[in-house]
């Protein structure tokens, strides 16, 4: 690929400290076929058709392009239907059963997708990915994915089990928290986020509570922006300027949303993409 083509591919990177899902689309006009497939799936999801998100698995494994693979997994987490998620989990379980290791960026991609999707019943798959990747570079990210689902702030689940011997106790702790949440919610099917049932207005309130400059707040701001923008379809590009968070701008958008009739129509425990329920 020539230099111009590389710049075009770089322009499609989903970046929640910049344009997020409102990225410049011109780069897609001359993009290769797999990018066109991804763009079609995204456009269908924006319109409320989530059936084609099952095709993200094929797009992911059809390419070695890291930006496209990242885009597939981010879209899967944000807009993937239950059927699409189950398809990816079936792939993982087959790999596990055949002792076919899932490692490196692929393991982190799938872990991130399952964590963002947020259903408690898929936590064991994230734990298995961690177990298979103990000690490898970036393996400390897996506990952060689990913490994003299960804890209101970084807590013991975010702590990396530093040895193989420590993993069983860590797994028991994680599954204990899953049991606690599932009993409280009455189901493992509900979507959770930051230690509570996922609810779009609550995501807006969480961001309003984390507008500051502490390490946790700065790490959370782009994650919360991603969840809010993906769920509502509200353009949040103005939340960041040159990669720096703009708290007053973000607060104005969030408060306007919370005071609107739109906020009241989101049902707790459901997954939404661009304001539409993802079945």
Protein backbone atom coordinates (compact mmCIF):
# COMPACT_ATOMS: atom_id res chain seq x y z
CA UNK A 1 0.00 0.00 0.00
CA UNK A 2 1.37 3.43 -0.89
CA UNK A 3 1.82 6.30 1.59
CA UNK A 4 -1.48 7.89 0.59
CA UNK A 5 -3.25 4.58 1.19
CA UNK A 6 -1.68 4.27 4.62
CA UNK A 7 -2.90 7.76 5.53
CA UNK A 8 -6.38 6.81 4.36
CA UNK A 9 -6.40 3.72 6.55
CA UNK A 10 -5.14 5.73 9.50
CA UNK A 11 -8.09 8.08 8.99
CA UNK A 12 -10.55 5.26 9.74
CA UNK A 13 -9.20 4.60 13.22
CA UNK A 14 -11.96 4.84 15.82
CA UNK A 15 -10.62 7.29 18.40
CA UNK A 16 -12.79 8.45 21.31
CA UNK A 17 -10.43 11.27 22.14
CA UNK A 18 -11.23 12.66 18.71
CA UNK A 19 -14.13 11.93 16.31
CA UNK A 20 -15.28 8.48 17.50
CA UNK A 21 -18.10 7.18 15.29
CA UNK A 22 -18.28 10.56 13.55
CA UNK A 23 -14.96 10.10 11.79
CA UNK A 24 -14.29 11.50 8.32
CA UNK A 25 -15.89 9.06 5.86
CA UNK A 26 -13.95 10.11 2.75
CA UNK A 27 -11.23 7.56 3.52
CA UNK A 28 -13.75 4.75 3.06
CA UNK A 29 -14.61 5.68 -0.52
CA UNK A 30 -11.46 4.05 -1.90
CA UNK A 31 -10.85 1.57 0.91
CA UNK A 32 -10.29 -2.16 0.21
CA UNK A 33 -13.18 -4.64 0.24
CA UNK A 34 -12.97 -5.68 3.91
CA UNK A 35 -13.20 -2.04 4.98
CA UNK A 36 -16.24 -1.65 2.75
CA UNK A 37 -17.84 -4.66 4.44
CA UNK A 38 -17.17 -3.16 7.86
CA UNK A 39 -18.60 0.20 6.77
CA UNK A 40 -21.75 -1.50 5.47
CA UNK A 41 -22.24 -3.32 8.79
CA UNK A 42 -21.77 -0.03 10.66
CA UNK A 43 -24.27 1.80 8.44
CA UNK A 44 -26.83 -0.96 8.87
CA UNK A 45 -26.40 -0.88 12.65
CA UNK A 46 -26.83 2.90 12.75
CA UNK A 47 -30.16 2.37 10.97
CA UNK A 48 -31.20 -0.27 13.51
CA UNK A 49 -30.42 -3.43 11.52
CA UNK A 50 -28.08 -5.53 13.66
CA UNK A 51 -28.39 -8.81 11.80
CA UNK A 52 -25.24 -8.16 9.77
CA UNK A 53 -23.06 -7.72 12.87
CA UNK A 54 -22.70 -11.52 12.76
CA UNK A 55 -20.41 -10.91 9.77
CA UNK A 56 -17.81 -9.08 11.85
CA UNK A 57 -16.07 -12.37 12.69
CA UNK A 58 -15.40 -13.06 9.00
CA UNK A 59 -14.19 -9.51 8.38
CA UNK A 60 -11.88 -9.72 11.41
CA UNK A 61 -10.20 -12.92 10.28
CA UNK A 62 -10.05 -11.85 6.63
CA UNK A 63 -7.42 -9.20 7.33
CA UNK A 64 -4.12 -8.62 9.11
CA UNK A 65 -4.78 -4.86 9.19
CA UNK A 66 -4.66 -3.90 12.87
CA UNK A 67 -6.90 -0.85 12.42
CA UNK A 68 -9.61 -2.90 10.72
CA UNK A 69 -9.39 -5.64 13.33
CA UNK A 70 -9.68 -3.03 16.05
CA UNK A 71 -12.67 -1.45 14.30
CA UNK A 72 -14.40 -4.85 14.05
CA UNK A 73 -14.02 -5.56 17.75
CA UNK A 74 -15.07 -2.09 18.83
CA UNK A 75 -18.18 -2.28 16.66
CA UNK A 76 -18.90 -5.78 17.97
CA UNK A 77 -18.76 -4.56 21.56
CA UNK A 78 -20.90 -1.50 20.87
CA UNK A 79 -23.42 -2.84 18.35
CA UNK A 80 -23.02 -6.61 18.14
CA UNK A 81 -26.29 -8.49 18.49
CA UNK A 82 -26.64 -11.36 20.95
CA UNK A 83 -26.35 -13.71 17.97
CA UNK A 84 -23.13 -12.03 16.84
CA UNK A 85 -21.60 -12.21 20.31
CA UNK A 86 -22.60 -15.87 20.63
CA UNK A 87 -20.90 -16.56 17.30
CA UNK A 88 -17.63 -15.10 18.57
CA UNK A 89 -17.93 -16.97 21.87
CA UNK A 90 -18.55 -20.23 19.98
CA UNK A 91 -15.33 -19.57 18.07
CA UNK A 92 -13.48 -19.07 21.35
CA UNK A 93 -14.94 -22.20 22.95
CA UNK A 94 -13.93 -24.28 19.94
CA UNK A 95 -10.40 -22.94 20.23
CA UNK A 96 -10.37 -23.70 23.96
CA UNK A 97 -11.69 -27.23 23.42
CA UNK A 98 -9.00 -27.91 20.80
CA UNK A 99 -6.25 -26.44 23.01
CA UNK A 100 -5.65 -23.91 20.25
CA UNK A 101 -4.29 -20.85 22.09
CA UNK A 102 -5.87 -17.47 21.50
CA UNK A 103 -3.15 -14.98 22.26
CA UNK A 104 -1.70 -11.56 21.60
CA UNK A 105 -3.81 -8.84 20.07
CA UNK A 106 -6.57 -11.29 19.11
CA UNK A 107 -7.12 -12.28 22.75
CA UNK A 108 -7.17 -8.64 23.86
CA UNK A 109 -9.57 -7.72 21.04
CA UNK A 110 -12.06 -10.42 21.96
CA UNK A 111 -11.77 -9.70 25.67
CA UNK A 112 -12.48 -6.02 25.05
CA UNK A 113 -15.53 -6.85 22.91
CA UNK A 114 -17.03 -9.13 25.56
CA UNK A 115 -16.37 -6.61 28.33
CA UNK A 116 -17.99 -3.76 26.43
CA UNK A 117 -20.93 -5.99 25.48
CA UNK A 118 -21.26 -6.51 29.21
CA UNK A 119 -23.27 -9.68 29.76
CA UNK A 120 -22.20 -11.53 32.90
CA UNK A 121 -22.54 -14.97 31.33
CA UNK A 122 -19.47 -14.33 29.16
CA UNK A 123 -17.08 -13.47 32.02
CA UNK A 124 -15.69 -17.06 32.05
CA UNK A 125 -14.43 -16.56 28.49
CA UNK A 126 -12.54 -13.42 29.49
CA UNK A 127 -11.04 -15.30 32.45
CA UNK A 128 -9.94 -18.12 30.14
CA UNK A 129 -8.28 -15.61 27.82
CA UNK A 130 -6.42 -14.19 30.80
CA UNK A 131 -5.40 -17.66 31.98
CA UNK A 132 -4.02 -18.53 28.55
CA UNK A 133 -2.05 -15.29 28.37
CA UNK A 134 -0.57 -15.02 31.86
CA UNK A 135 2.77 -13.27 31.77
CA UNK A 136 2.65 -12.14 28.13
CA UNK A 137 2.97 -8.45 27.19
CA UNK A 138 -0.21 -6.44 27.86
CA UNK A 139 -1.83 -9.28 29.84
CA UNK A 140 -2.49 -6.79 32.66
CA UNK A 141 -5.22 -5.33 30.44
CA UNK A 142 -7.53 -8.34 30.91
CA UNK A 143 -8.26 -7.51 34.59
CA UNK A 144 -9.03 -3.92 33.54
CA UNK A 145 -11.63 -5.26 31.11
CA UNK A 146 -13.21 -7.30 33.91
CA UNK A 147 -13.07 -4.36 36.30
CA UNK A 148 -14.86 -2.18 33.72
CA UNK A 149 -17.78 -4.60 33.90
CA UNK A 150 -17.80 -5.51 37.57
CA UNK A 151 -16.45 -2.62 39.69
CA UNK A 152 -17.62 0.98 40.18
CA UNK A 153 -13.99 2.06 40.40
CA UNK A 154 -10.74 0.19 40.05
CA UNK A 155 -10.64 -2.35 42.85
CA UNK A 156 -9.28 -5.84 43.54
CA UNK A 157 -10.59 -7.19 40.22
CA UNK A 158 -8.40 -4.67 38.38
CA UNK A 159 -5.32 -6.11 40.11
CA UNK A 160 -3.34 -8.49 37.91
CA UNK A 161 -2.76 -11.96 39.40
CA UNK A 162 1.01 -11.94 39.06
CA UNK A 163 1.61 -15.72 39.14
CA UNK A 164 -0.07 -18.88 37.91
CA UNK A 165 -0.55 -19.85 41.54
CA UNK A 166 -2.50 -16.64 42.20
CA UNK A 167 -4.92 -17.16 39.33
CA UNK A 168 -7.38 -19.59 41.04
CA UNK A 169 -8.00 -17.14 43.90
CA UNK A 170 -8.41 -14.31 41.39
CA UNK A 171 -10.88 -16.36 39.35
CA UNK A 172 -12.89 -17.21 42.47
CA UNK A 173 -13.03 -13.53 43.39
CA UNK A 174 -14.27 -12.54 39.92
CA UNK A 175 -16.89 -15.28 39.78
CA UNK A 176 -18.04 -14.37 43.29
CA UNK A 177 -18.69 -10.84 42.07
CA UNK A 178 -20.52 -12.22 39.01
CA UNK A 179 -22.74 -14.29 41.30
CA UNK A 180 -23.42 -11.27 43.51
CA UNK A 181 -24.42 -9.11 40.55
CA UNK A 182 -26.47 -11.81 38.81
CA UNK A 183 -28.41 -12.51 42.01
CA UNK A 184 -29.05 -8.81 42.51
CA UNK A 185 -30.19 -8.37 38.91
CA UNK A 186 -32.02 -11.68 38.74
CA UNK A 187 -30.21 -12.77 35.59
CA UNK A 188 -26.84 -13.24 33.91
CA UNK A 189 -28.42 -11.92 30.69
CA UNK A 190 -28.56 -8.26 31.74
CA UNK A 191 -25.84 -5.95 30.50
CA UNK A 192 -23.61 -4.48 33.21
CA UNK A 193 -21.16 -1.60 33.25
CA UNK A 194 -18.93 -0.34 36.06
CA UNK A 195 -20.47 -2.61 38.67
CA UNK A 196 -24.13 -1.88 37.99
CA UNK A 197 -26.83 -2.63 35.47
CA UNK A 198 -26.08 -0.74 32.26
CA UNK A 199 -28.41 2.22 31.81
CA UNK A 200 -27.71 4.99 29.34
CA UNK A 201 -28.78 7.91 31.60
CA UNK A 202 -26.52 6.48 34.33
CA UNK A 203 -23.60 6.50 31.90
CA UNK A 204 -24.24 10.21 31.35
CA UNK A 205 -24.37 10.78 35.12
CA UNK A 206 -21.16 8.81 35.64
CA UNK A 207 -19.34 11.04 33.18
CA UNK A 208 -20.73 14.12 34.92
CA UNK A 209 -19.29 12.71 38.16
CA UNK A 210 -15.87 12.20 36.57
CA UNK A 211 -15.10 15.50 34.85
CA UNK A 212 -11.92 16.11 36.85
CA UNK A 213 -8.25 15.38 36.30
CA UNK A 214 -7.49 12.47 38.64
CA UNK A 215 -5.89 9.40 37.11
CA UNK A 216 -9.15 7.43 37.31
CA UNK A 217 -11.20 10.30 35.85
CA UNK A 218 -8.86 10.85 32.93
CA UNK A 219 -8.78 7.12 32.21
CA UNK A 220 -12.59 6.92 32.40
CA UNK A 221 -13.57 9.99 30.36
CA UNK A 222 -12.95 8.57 26.90
CA UNK A 223 -14.46 5.19 27.92
CA UNK A 224 -17.63 6.86 29.19
CA UNK A 225 -17.75 9.09 26.11
CA UNK A 226 -17.53 5.96 23.93
CA UNK A 227 -20.39 4.27 25.78
CA UNK A 228 -22.56 7.39 25.73
CA UNK A 229 -21.94 8.22 22.06
CA UNK A 230 -22.39 4.63 20.88
CA UNK A 231 -25.58 4.16 22.89
CA UNK A 232 -27.27 7.43 21.95
CA UNK A 233 -25.80 8.36 18.57
CA UNK A 234 -25.09 11.86 19.92
CA UNK A 235 -21.96 13.33 18.35
CA UNK A 236 -19.51 13.81 21.23
CA UNK A 237 -16.51 14.92 19.16
CA UNK A 238 -16.55 18.23 21.04
CA UNK A 239 -15.79 16.41 24.32
CA UNK A 240 -12.13 16.45 23.32
CA UNK A 241 -10.02 19.07 21.59
CA UNK A 242 -6.59 18.04 20.33
CA UNK A 243 -6.96 14.95 22.52
CA UNK A 244 -7.66 16.96 25.69
CA UNK A 245 -10.94 16.57 27.56
CA UNK A 246 -13.29 19.58 27.60
CA UNK A 247 -15.33 19.23 30.83
CA UNK A 248 -17.62 22.24 30.36
CA UNK A 249 -18.55 21.23 26.82
CA UNK A 250 -19.17 17.64 27.87
CA UNK A 251 -21.26 18.71 30.86
CA UNK A 252 -23.50 20.88 28.69
CA UNK A 253 -24.23 18.02 26.26
CA UNK A 254 -24.82 15.50 29.05
CA UNK A 255 -27.11 17.78 31.04
CA UNK A 256 -29.14 18.60 27.95
CA UNK A 257 -29.59 14.87 27.31
CA UNK A 258 -30.60 14.12 30.90
CA UNK A 259 -33.21 16.89 30.90
CA UNK A 260 -34.72 15.69 27.61
CA UNK A 261 -37.56 13.26 26.97
CA UNK A 262 -35.03 11.13 25.06
CA UNK A 263 -33.31 9.96 28.26
CA UNK A 264 -36.50 8.43 29.66
CA UNK A 265 -36.95 5.93 26.84
CA UNK A 266 -33.79 3.91 27.58
CA UNK A 267 -34.53 0.70 29.52
CA UNK A 268 -32.02 -0.45 32.19
CA UNK A 269 -30.14 -3.63 31.37
CA UNK A 270 -30.50 -3.30 27.60
CA UNK A 271 -27.84 -2.60 25.01
CA UNK A 272 -28.38 0.33 22.64
CA UNK A 273 -26.59 1.62 19.57
CA UNK A 274 -27.41 5.04 18.14
CA UNK A 275 -30.59 5.09 20.20
CA UNK A 276 -31.85 1.71 18.99
CA UNK A 277 -32.19 -1.41 21.10
CA UNK A 278 -29.72 -4.13 20.11
CA UNK A 279 -31.53 -7.51 20.35
